Amino acid sequence: IDNCIEYIENKYKIYLALDNDEPGKNVTKELIRRFGTEKCFLVDFNDCKDANEYLVKYGKESLKNAVLNAKEIPIEGVSSVNDWKQEFEEYLVNGMQQGFITGIESFDRIFSTYTGQYIVVTGIPSSGKSDFVDQMILGYNKLYGWKTAFASPENKPNKIHAGKLIAKICGQWINKREQINTDWFKVASDIIDTNIKFIDLDGGFDLTTVLSKTRSLIFKYGIKVLVIDPYNKVRLKESVNKNINEYTADYLLAIDEFARKHDILIILVAHPRKPTMTE
């Protein structure tokens, strides 16, 4: 997709005809997430694994009709039991399963999460909230291959943030030229370059623009996590004149809808003000 983005992005109808097995279904799901349900049509190979097997078994006319009769993706937000039959039966038999973990054993025993939602990370000032979130996203990348986009006024300039991330991967601060020339540093640098994107906006961070940029990153790179740090510096400008309750409701609704629509995890980092002596 990265190399063909200009060819793909202006198409209004995309036929997905991948293998009819678990890996093929997983890739189909990911392509739908990137391209959007409104553009994708699914080719059904019935009892066959792929197009070639279908061609051999049923002939070229049947294969042609399978493509011509490709099905639209079901309407978003509307489903019935059979649409999630496998997951439903799994839940009935085994109960709710653990979500995605970070690889931090002591933390994973008490917390796991899912995509399609947002979580809030907070704590007292200078307690390491941003550093902990960095550790979380590196864990998700190591365990699941998830890529992350940062909209993070807290961590500017980007070179300082990237240095912190590389230090976590390498287990030490990088401050000598001979370290930069090592193979392990080059591996860590490649991990950051491939899996982490930094969103920069002129004129301040606006939530609507950040989400639009993230949508492009999902399409092109398959971003799975968006970190907004701190959330109060990424404003929803269209609602700034509303009262605090209405503004917060609009903000969280936009975040929630985006996470569910694109099946990503959004991490909001909340930095409370420093307490006064009377508090």
C-alpha atoms as a PDB file:
ATOM      1  CA  ILE A   1       0.000   0.000   0.000  1.00  0.00           C
ATOM      2  CA  ASP A   2       2.824   2.399   0.861  1.00  0.00           C
ATOM      3  CA  ASN A   3       4.225   2.164  -2.681  1.00  0.00           C
ATOM      4  CA  CYS A   4       0.835   2.298  -4.450  1.00  0.00           C
ATOM      5  CA  ILE A   5      -0.929   4.982  -2.415  1.00  0.00           C
ATOM      6  CA  GLU A   6      -1.315   7.417  -5.335  1.00  0.00           C
ATOM      7  CA  TYR A   7      -2.880   4.680  -7.467  1.00  0.00           C
ATOM      8  CA  ILE A   8      -5.297   3.492  -4.782  1.00  0.00           C
ATOM      9  CA  GLU A   9      -6.474   6.622  -2.984  1.00  0.00           C
ATOM     10  CA  ASN A  10      -8.624   8.014  -5.818  1.00  0.00           C
ATOM     11  CA  LYS A  11     -10.533   4.765  -6.505  1.00  0.00           C
ATOM     12  CA  TYR A  12     -14.198   4.628  -5.543  1.00  0.00           C
ATOM     13  CA  LYS A  13     -14.608   0.837  -5.769  1.00  0.00           C
ATOM     14  CA  ILE A  14     -12.041  -1.713  -4.560  1.00  0.00           C
ATOM     15  CA  TYR A  15     -12.565  -5.478  -4.919  1.00  0.00           C
ATOM     16  CA  LEU A  16     -11.016  -7.623  -2.205  1.00  0.00           C
ATOM     17  CA  ALA A  17     -10.420 -11.225  -3.301  1.00  0.00           C
ATOM     18  CA  LEU A  18      -8.001 -12.644  -0.762  1.00  0.00           C
ATOM     19  CA  ASP A  19      -7.544 -16.223   0.383  1.00  0.00           C
ATOM     20  CA  ASN A  20     -10.528 -17.716   2.167  1.00  0.00           C
ATOM     21  CA  ASP A  21      -8.510 -18.759   5.233  1.00  0.00           C
ATOM     22  CA  GLU A  22      -7.649 -17.134   8.563  1.00  0.00           C
ATOM     23  CA  PRO A  23      -4.645 -15.102   7.332  1.00  0.00           C
ATOM     24  CA  GLY A  24      -6.596 -13.982   4.265  1.00  0.00           C
ATOM     25  CA  LYS A  25      -9.555 -12.926   6.396  1.00  0.00           C
ATOM     26  CA  ASN A  26      -7.260 -10.972   8.706  1.00  0.00           C
ATOM     27  CA  VAL A  27      -5.696  -9.096   5.787  1.00  0.00           C
ATOM     28  CA  THR A  28      -9.164  -8.437   4.336  1.00  0.00           C
ATOM     29  CA  LYS A  29     -10.243  -6.912   7.640  1.00  0.00           C
ATOM     30  CA  GLU A  30      -7.146  -4.705   7.745  1.00  0.00           C
ATOM     31  CA  LEU A  31      -7.621  -3.522   4.142  1.00  0.00           C
ATOM     32  CA  ILE A  32     -11.247  -2.628   4.869  1.00  0.00           C
ATOM     33  CA  ARG A  33     -10.060  -0.643   7.890  1.00  0.00           C
ATOM     34  CA  ARG A  34      -7.546   1.267   5.762  1.00  0.00           C
ATOM     35  CA  PHE A  35      -9.592   1.828   2.609  1.00  0.00           C
ATOM     36  CA  GLY A  36     -12.978   2.373   4.270  1.00  0.00           C
ATOM     37  CA  THR A  37     -16.120   0.254   4.133  1.00  0.00           C
ATOM     38  CA  GLU A  38     -17.725   2.536   1.565  1.00  0.00           C
ATOM     39  CA  LYS A  39     -15.146   1.593  -1.097  1.00  0.00           C
ATOM     40  CA  CYS A  40     -14.693  -2.147  -0.528  1.00  0.00           C
ATOM     41  CA  PHE A  41     -16.511  -5.084  -2.132  1.00  0.00           C
ATOM     42  CA  LEU A  42     -15.896  -8.696  -1.068  1.00  0.00           C
ATOM     43  CA  VAL A  43     -15.502 -11.529  -3.575  1.00  0.00           C
ATOM     44  CA  ASP A  44     -16.914 -14.800  -2.163  1.00  0.00           C
ATOM     45  CA  PHE A  45     -15.055 -17.981  -3.170  1.00  0.00           C
ATOM     46  CA  ASN A  46     -17.570 -20.216  -1.337  1.00  0.00           C
ATOM     47  CA  ASP A  47     -15.852 -23.494  -0.390  1.00  0.00           C
ATOM     48  CA  CYS A  48     -12.589 -22.671  -2.191  1.00  0.00           C
ATOM     49  CA  LYS A  49      -9.421 -21.252  -0.689  1.00  0.00           C
ATOM     50  CA  ASP A  50      -8.675 -18.732  -3.430  1.00  0.00           C
ATOM     51  CA  ALA A  51      -9.450 -17.599  -6.974  1.00  0.00           C
ATOM     52  CA  ASN A  52      -7.282 -20.244  -8.610  1.00  0.00           C
ATOM     53  CA  GLU A  53      -8.984 -23.121  -6.804  1.00  0.00           C
ATOM     54  CA  TYR A  54     -12.379 -21.586  -7.621  1.00  0.00           C
ATOM     55  CA  LEU A  55     -11.386 -21.312 -11.315  1.00  0.00           C
ATOM     56  CA  VAL A  56     -10.268 -24.953 -11.492  1.00  0.00           C
ATOM     57  CA  LYS A  57     -13.372 -26.242  -9.717  1.00  0.00           C
ATOM     58  CA  TYR A  58     -16.127 -24.065 -11.227  1.00  0.00           C
ATOM     59  CA  GLY A  59     -14.700 -22.546 -14.434  1.00  0.00           C
ATOM     60  CA  LYS A  60     -13.924 -19.073 -15.672  1.00  0.00           C
ATOM     61  CA  GLU A  61     -17.538 -17.925 -16.095  1.00  0.00           C
ATOM     62  CA  SER A  62     -18.309 -18.742 -12.468  1.00  0.00           C
ATOM     63  CA  LEU A  63     -15.183 -16.891 -11.367  1.00  0.00           C
ATOM     64  CA  LYS A  64     -16.193 -13.893 -13.463  1.00  0.00           C
ATOM     65  CA  ASN A  65     -19.663 -13.922 -11.875  1.00  0.00           C
ATOM     66  CA  ALA A  66     -18.127 -14.186  -8.400  1.00  0.00           C
ATOM     67  CA  VAL A  67     -16.306 -10.920  -9.035  1.00  0.00           C
ATOM     68  CA  LEU A  68     -19.309  -9.234 -10.643  1.00  0.00           C
ATOM     69  CA  ASN A  69     -21.476 -10.264  -7.691  1.00  0.00           C
ATOM     70  CA  ALA A  70     -19.030  -9.092  -5.041  1.00  0.00           C
ATOM     71  CA  LYS A  71     -20.868  -8.024  -1.909  1.00  0.00           C
ATOM     72  CA  GLU A  72     -20.846  -4.611  -0.316  1.00  0.00           C
ATOM     73  CA  ILE A  73     -19.556  -4.353   3.246  1.00  0.00           C
ATOM     74  CA  PRO A  74     -22.510  -4.400   5.677  1.00  0.00           C
ATOM     75  CA  ILE A  75     -23.828  -1.015   6.814  1.00  0.00           C
ATOM     76  CA  GLU A  76     -21.660   0.343   9.589  1.00  0.00           C
ATOM     77  CA  GLY A  77     -23.328   0.255  12.988  1.00  0.00           C
ATOM     78  CA  VAL A  78     -25.945  -2.335  11.967  1.00  0.00           C
ATOM     79  CA  SER A  79     -25.539  -6.051  12.705  1.00  0.00           C
ATOM     80  CA  SER A  80     -27.280  -9.223  13.771  1.00  0.00           C
ATOM     81  CA  VAL A  81     -26.152 -12.246  15.758  1.00  0.00           C
ATOM     82  CA  ASN A  82     -24.886 -14.142  12.713  1.00  0.00           C
ATOM     83  CA  ASP A  83     -22.554 -11.254  11.863  1.00  0.00           C
ATOM     84  CA  TRP A  84     -20.577 -11.977  15.028  1.00  0.00           C
ATOM     85  CA  LYS A  85     -21.607 -15.585  15.553  1.00  0.00           C
ATOM     86  CA  GLN A  86     -18.087 -16.912  16.190  1.00  0.00           C
ATOM     87  CA  GLU A  87     -17.228 -14.217  18.734  1.00  0.00           C
ATOM     88  CA  PHE A  88     -20.624 -14.633  20.400  1.00  0.00           C
ATOM     89  CA  GLU A  89     -20.225 -18.380  20.807  1.00  0.00           C
ATOM     90  CA  GLU A  90     -16.669 -17.911  22.058  1.00  0.00           C
ATOM     91  CA  TYR A  91     -17.940 -15.513  24.712  1.00  0.00           C
ATOM     92  CA  LEU A  92     -20.724 -17.876  25.801  1.00  0.00           C
ATOM     93  CA  VAL A  93     -18.290 -20.774  26.217  1.00  0.00           C
ATOM     94  CA  ASN A  94     -15.191 -19.029  27.591  1.00  0.00           C
ATOM     95  CA  GLY A  95     -16.378 -15.669  28.914  1.00  0.00           C
ATOM     96  CA  MET A  96     -14.727 -12.308  28.293  1.00  0.00           C
ATOM     97  CA  GLN A  97     -11.124 -12.761  27.196  1.00  0.00           C
ATOM     98  CA  GLN A  98      -8.151 -10.640  28.221  1.00  0.00           C
ATOM     99  CA  GLY A  99      -7.472  -7.677  25.980  1.00  0.00           C
ATOM    100  CA  PHE A 100      -4.167  -6.472  24.581  1.00  0.00           C
ATOM    101  CA  ILE A 101      -1.268  -6.210  27.015  1.00  0.00           C
ATOM    102  CA  THR A 102       1.928  -4.149  27.140  1.00  0.00           C
ATOM    103  CA  GLY A 103       4.483  -6.794  28.116  1.00  0.00           C
ATOM    104  CA  ILE A 104       4.973  -5.168  31.543  1.00  0.00           C
ATOM    105  CA  GLU A 105       4.103  -8.191  33.674  1.00  0.00           C
ATOM    106  CA  SER A 106       3.070  -6.435  36.883  1.00  0.00           C
ATOM    107  CA  PHE A 107       0.888  -3.980  34.941  1.00  0.00           C
ATOM    108  CA  ASP A 108      -0.634  -6.606  32.651  1.00  0.00           C
ATOM    109  CA  ARG A 109      -1.947  -8.539  35.652  1.00  0.00           C
ATOM    110  CA  ILE A 110      -4.341  -5.686  36.446  1.00  0.00           C
ATOM    111  CA  PHE A 111      -4.955  -4.014  33.072  1.00  0.00           C
ATOM    112  CA  SER A 112      -5.499  -4.878  29.432  1.00  0.00           C
ATOM    113  CA  THR A 113      -7.233  -2.949  26.693  1.00  0.00           C
ATOM    114  CA  TYR A 114      -8.973  -3.293  23.338  1.00  0.00           C
ATOM    115  CA  THR A 115      -8.951  -1.389  20.072  1.00  0.00           C
ATOM    116  CA  GLY A 116     -12.002   0.612  19.075  1.00  0.00           C
ATOM    117  CA  GLN A 117     -11.889   2.637  22.283  1.00  0.00           C
ATOM    118  CA  TYR A 118      -9.976   5.346  24.133  1.00  0.00           C
ATOM    119  CA  ILE A 119      -8.260   5.254  27.521  1.00  0.00           C
ATOM    120  CA  VAL A 120      -7.070   8.071  29.769  1.00  0.00           C
ATOM    121  CA  VAL A 121      -3.666   8.032  31.472  1.00  0.00           C
ATOM    122  CA  THR A 122      -3.244  10.487  34.345  1.00  0.00           C
ATOM    123  CA  GLY A 123      -1.409  10.942  37.627  1.00  0.00           C
ATOM    124  CA  ILE A 124       0.174  13.541  39.854  1.00  0.00           C
ATOM    125  CA  PRO A 125       2.553  16.036  38.190  1.00  0.00           C
ATOM    126  CA  SER A 126       6.024  14.713  37.278  1.00  0.00           C
ATOM    127  CA  SER A 127       5.023  11.101  37.947  1.00  0.00           C
ATOM    128  CA  GLY A 128       6.162   9.857  34.524  1.00  0.00           C
ATOM    129  CA  LYS A 129       2.865   9.675  32.641  1.00  0.00           C
ATOM    130  CA  SER A 130       4.341  10.383  29.209  1.00  0.00           C
ATOM    131  CA  ASP A 131       7.265   8.024  29.777  1.00  0.00           C
ATOM    132  CA  PHE A 132       4.878   5.271  30.815  1.00  0.00           C
ATOM    133  CA  VAL A 133       2.750   5.779  27.689  1.00  0.00           C
ATOM    134  CA  ASP A 134       5.930   5.530  25.594  1.00  0.00           C
ATOM    135  CA  GLN A 135       6.663   2.201  27.270  1.00  0.00           C
ATOM    136  CA  MET A 136       3.102   1.032  26.552  1.00  0.00           C
ATOM    137  CA  ILE A 137       3.261   1.760  22.829  1.00  0.00           C
ATOM    138  CA  LEU A 138       6.662   0.105  22.505  1.00  0.00           C
ATOM    139  CA  GLY A 139       5.198  -2.961  24.199  1.00  0.00           C
ATOM    140  CA  TYR A 140       2.232  -3.016  21.823  1.00  0.00           C
ATOM    141  CA  ASN A 141       4.621  -2.751  18.893  1.00  0.00           C
ATOM    142  CA  LYS A 142       6.822  -5.581  20.147  1.00  0.00           C
ATOM    143  CA  LEU A 143       3.903  -7.923  20.911  1.00  0.00           C
ATOM    144  CA  TYR A 144       1.480  -7.086  18.090  1.00  0.00           C
ATOM    145  CA  GLY A 145       3.374  -4.997  15.541  1.00  0.00           C
ATOM    146  CA  TRP A 146       1.177  -1.953  16.214  1.00  0.00           C
ATOM    147  CA  LYS A 147       2.279   1.380  14.768  1.00  0.00           C
ATOM    148  CA  THR A 148       1.673   4.609  16.681  1.00  0.00           C
ATOM    149  CA  ALA A 149       1.009   8.245  15.785  1.00  0.00           C
ATOM    150  CA  PHE A 150       1.885  10.910  18.358  1.00  0.00           C
ATOM    151  CA  ALA A 151       0.079  14.246  18.556  1.00  0.00           C
ATOM    152  CA  SER A 152       2.175  15.371  21.479  1.00  0.00           C
ATOM    153  CA  PRO A 153       2.893  19.030  22.268  1.00  0.00           C
ATOM    154  CA  GLU A 154       4.251  17.691  25.578  1.00  0.00           C
ATOM    155  CA  ASN A 155       7.124  15.901  23.848  1.00  0.00           C
ATOM    156  CA  LYS A 156       8.456  18.534  21.473  1.00  0.00           C
ATOM    157  CA  PRO A 157      10.897  18.771  19.817  1.00  0.00           C
ATOM    158  CA  ASN A 158      10.586  15.390  18.134  1.00  0.00           C
ATOM    159  CA  LYS A 159      14.301  14.651  18.346  1.00  0.00           C
ATOM    160  CA  ILE A 160      14.130  14.657  22.165  1.00  0.00           C
ATOM    161  CA  HIS A 161      11.084  12.367  22.113  1.00  0.00           C
ATOM    162  CA  ALA A 162      12.753  10.008  19.647  1.00  0.00           C
ATOM    163  CA  GLY A 163      15.823   9.927  21.869  1.00  0.00           C
ATOM    164  CA  LYS A 164      13.697   8.861  24.846  1.00  0.00           C
ATOM    165  CA  LEU A 165      12.053   6.115  22.797  1.00  0.00           C
ATOM    166  CA  ILE A 166      15.351   4.762  21.510  1.00  0.00           C
ATOM    167  CA  ALA A 167      16.760   4.767  25.061  1.00  0.00           C
ATOM    168  CA  LYS A 168      13.852   2.582  26.162  1.00  0.00           C
ATOM    169  CA  ILE A 169      14.499   0.124  23.339  1.00  0.00           C
ATOM    170  CA  CYS A 170      18.261   0.012  23.902  1.00  0.00           C
ATOM    171  CA  GLY A 171      18.133   0.129  27.691  1.00  0.00           C
ATOM    172  CA  GLN A 172      20.532   3.072  27.906  1.00  0.00           C
ATOM    173  CA  TRP A 173      20.847   6.725  26.956  1.00  0.00           C
ATOM    174  CA  ILE A 174      22.530   7.406  23.639  1.00  0.00           C
ATOM    175  CA  ASN A 175      25.052  10.224  24.087  1.00  0.00           C
ATOM    176  CA  LYS A 176      28.252   9.042  22.440  1.00  0.00           C
ATOM    177  CA  ARG A 177      29.196   8.907  18.753  1.00  0.00           C
ATOM    178  CA  GLU A 178      30.449   5.325  19.065  1.00  0.00           C
ATOM    179  CA  GLN A 179      26.984   4.253  20.267  1.00  0.00           C
ATOM    180  CA  ILE A 180      25.368   5.687  17.142  1.00  0.00           C
ATOM    181  CA  ASN A 181      27.657   3.567  14.982  1.00  0.00           C
ATOM    182  CA  THR A 182      26.618   0.287  16.630  1.00  0.00           C
ATOM    183  CA  ASP A 183      24.317  -2.259  15.004  1.00  0.00           C
ATOM    184  CA  TRP A 184      21.948  -2.265  17.985  1.00  0.00           C
ATOM    185  CA  PHE A 185      21.427   1.494  17.696  1.00  0.00           C
ATOM    186  CA  LYS A 186      20.676   1.183  13.983  1.00  0.00           C
ATOM    187  CA  VAL A 187      18.108  -1.536  14.717  1.00  0.00           C
ATOM    188  CA  ALA A 188      16.436   0.646  17.363  1.00  0.00           C
ATOM    189  CA  SER A 189      16.452   3.653  15.045  1.00  0.00           C
ATOM    190  CA  ASP A 190      14.817   1.603  12.274  1.00  0.00           C
ATOM    191  CA  ILE A 191      12.116   0.447  14.709  1.00  0.00           C
ATOM    192  CA  ILE A 192      11.265   4.055  15.552  1.00  0.00           C
ATOM    193  CA  ASP A 193      11.365   5.191  11.919  1.00  0.00           C
ATOM    194  CA  THR A 194       9.120   2.360  10.707  1.00  0.00           C
ATOM    195  CA  ASN A 195       6.596   2.204  13.531  1.00  0.00           C
ATOM    196  CA  ILE A 196       6.190   5.718  14.941  1.00  0.00           C
ATOM    197  CA  LYS A 197       4.939   8.864  13.228  1.00  0.00           C
ATOM    198  CA  PHE A 198       4.990  12.354  14.745  1.00  0.00           C
ATOM    199  CA  ILE A 199       2.168  14.770  13.895  1.00  0.00           C
ATOM    200  CA  ASP A 200       3.216  18.435  13.706  1.00  0.00           C
ATOM    201  CA  LEU A 201       0.755  21.261  13.039  1.00  0.00           C
ATOM    202  CA  ASP A 202       1.422  24.943  12.456  1.00  0.00           C
ATOM    203  CA  GLY A 203      -0.696  27.328  14.476  1.00  0.00           C
ATOM    204  CA  GLY A 204      -1.496  24.949  17.334  1.00  0.00           C
ATOM    205  CA  PHE A 205      -2.960  21.479  17.610  1.00  0.00           C
ATOM    206  CA  ASP A 206      -6.608  21.126  16.581  1.00  0.00           C
ATOM    207  CA  LEU A 207      -8.349  17.803  17.296  1.00  0.00           C
ATOM    208  CA  THR A 208     -10.250  17.732  13.998  1.00  0.00           C
ATOM    209  CA  THR A 209      -7.012  18.203  12.047  1.00  0.00           C
ATOM    210  CA  VAL A 210      -5.184  15.638  14.182  1.00  0.00           C
ATOM    211  CA  LEU A 211      -7.882  13.045  13.489  1.00  0.00           C
ATOM    212  CA  SER A 212      -7.765  13.848   9.781  1.00  0.00           C
ATOM    213  CA  LYS A 213      -3.998  13.371   9.740  1.00  0.00           C
ATOM    214  CA  THR A 214      -4.399  10.128  11.670  1.00  0.00           C
ATOM    215  CA  ARG A 215      -6.923   8.881   9.113  1.00  0.00           C
ATOM    216  CA  SER A 216      -4.305   9.412   6.399  1.00  0.00           C
ATOM    217  CA  LEU A 217      -1.699   7.594   8.505  1.00  0.00           C
ATOM    218  CA  ILE A 218      -4.089   4.672   9.022  1.00  0.00           C
ATOM    219  CA  PHE A 219      -4.636   4.466   5.273  1.00  0.00           C
ATOM    220  CA  LYS A 220      -0.968   4.674   4.331  1.00  0.00           C
ATOM    221  CA  TYR A 221       0.870   2.998   7.221  1.00  0.00           C
ATOM    222  CA  GLY A 222      -1.746   1.041   9.182  1.00  0.00           C
ATOM    223  CA  ILE A 223      -1.481   3.126  12.361  1.00  0.00           C
ATOM    224  CA  LYS A 224      -3.141   1.282  15.256  1.00  0.00           C
ATOM    225  CA  VAL A 225      -2.560   3.682  18.188  1.00  0.00           C
ATOM    226  CA  LEU A 226      -2.995   7.455  18.494  1.00  0.00           C
ATOM    227  CA  VAL A 227      -1.463   9.204  21.511  1.00  0.00           C
ATOM    228  CA  ILE A 228      -2.720  12.707  22.375  1.00  0.00           C
ATOM    229  CA  ASP A 229      -0.424  14.197  25.023  1.00  0.00           C
ATOM    230  CA  PRO A 230      -1.671  16.286  26.703  1.00  0.00           C
ATOM    231  CA  TYR A 231      -5.243  16.250  25.515  1.00  0.00           C
ATOM    232  CA  ASN A 232      -5.961  19.796  26.784  1.00  0.00           C
ATOM    233  CA  LYS A 233      -3.373  21.217  24.351  1.00  0.00           C
ATOM    234  CA  VAL A 234      -5.036  19.492  21.401  1.00  0.00           C
ATOM    235  CA  ARG A 235      -8.167  21.609  21.294  1.00  0.00           C
ATOM    236  CA  LEU A 236     -11.483  20.963  19.571  1.00  0.00           C
ATOM    237  CA  LYS A 237     -11.607  24.454  18.117  1.00  0.00           C
ATOM    238  CA  GLU A 238     -15.135  24.195  16.759  1.00  0.00           C
ATOM    239  CA  SER A 239     -16.455  23.772  20.332  1.00  0.00           C
ATOM    240  CA  VAL A 240     -14.189  26.129  22.297  1.00  0.00           C
ATOM    241  CA  ASN A 241     -16.993  28.658  22.872  1.00  0.00           C
ATOM    242  CA  LYS A 242     -19.248  26.092  24.550  1.00  0.00           C
ATOM    243  CA  ASN A 243     -19.368  25.534  28.300  1.00  0.00           C
ATOM    244  CA  ILE A 244     -16.985  22.992  29.810  1.00  0.00           C
ATOM    245  CA  ASN A 245     -19.548  20.181  29.955  1.00  0.00           C
ATOM    246  CA  GLU A 246     -20.645  20.579  26.332  1.00  0.00           C
ATOM    247  CA  TYR A 247     -17.046  20.970  25.170  1.00  0.00           C
ATOM    248  CA  THR A 248     -15.939  17.806  26.987  1.00  0.00           C
ATOM    249  CA  ALA A 249     -18.903  15.857  25.601  1.00  0.00           C
ATOM    250  CA  ASP A 250     -18.117  16.957  22.028  1.00  0.00           C
ATOM    251  CA  TYR A 251     -14.418  16.129  22.487  1.00  0.00           C
ATOM    252  CA  LEU A 252     -14.923  12.638  23.874  1.00  0.00           C
ATOM    253  CA  LEU A 253     -17.658  11.857  21.329  1.00  0.00           C
ATOM    254  CA  ALA A 254     -15.298  12.739  18.466  1.00  0.00           C
ATOM    255  CA  ILE A 255     -12.559  10.584  20.004  1.00  0.00           C
ATOM    256  CA  ASP A 256     -14.876   7.655  20.682  1.00  0.00           C
ATOM    257  CA  GLU A 257     -16.452   7.645  17.208  1.00  0.00           C
ATOM    258  CA  PHE A 258     -13.057   7.838  15.491  1.00  0.00           C
ATOM    259  CA  ALA A 259     -11.611   4.984  17.570  1.00  0.00           C
ATOM    260  CA  ARG A 260     -14.579   2.707  16.859  1.00  0.00           C
ATOM    261  CA  LYS A 261     -14.796   3.556  13.165  1.00  0.00           C
ATOM    262  CA  HIS A 262     -11.117   2.869  12.509  1.00  0.00           C
ATOM    263  CA  ASP A 263     -10.586   0.134  15.131  1.00  0.00           C
ATOM    264  CA  ILE A 264      -7.675   1.876  16.822  1.00  0.00           C
ATOM    265  CA  LEU A 265      -6.685   2.559  20.413  1.00  0.00           C
ATOM    266  CA  ILE A 266      -6.555   6.229  21.400  1.00  0.00           C
ATOM    267  CA  ILE A 267      -4.569   7.161  24.505  1.00  0.00           C
ATOM    268  CA  LEU A 268      -5.376  10.530  26.086  1.00  0.00           C
ATOM    269  CA  VAL A 269      -2.784  11.782  28.563  1.00  0.00           C
ATOM    270  CA  ALA A 270      -4.238  14.150  31.165  1.00  0.00           C
ATOM    271  CA  HIS A 271      -1.794  16.401  33.028  1.00  0.00           C
ATOM    272  CA  PRO A 272      -3.491  17.893  36.103  1.00  0.00           C
ATOM    273  CA  ARG A 273      -2.313  21.230  37.430  1.00  0.00           C
ATOM    274  CA  LYS A 274       0.102  21.214  40.332  1.00  0.00           C
ATOM    275  CA  PRO A 275      -1.685  21.176  43.698  1.00  0.00           C
ATOM    276  CA  THR A 276      -1.378  24.239  45.946  1.00  0.00           C
ATOM    277  CA  MET A 277      -0.470  24.127  49.620  1.00  0.00           C
ATOM    278  CA  THR A 278      -4.131  24.544  50.624  1.00  0.00           C
ATOM    279  CA  GLU A 279      -5.062  21.463  48.585  1.00  0.00           C
END
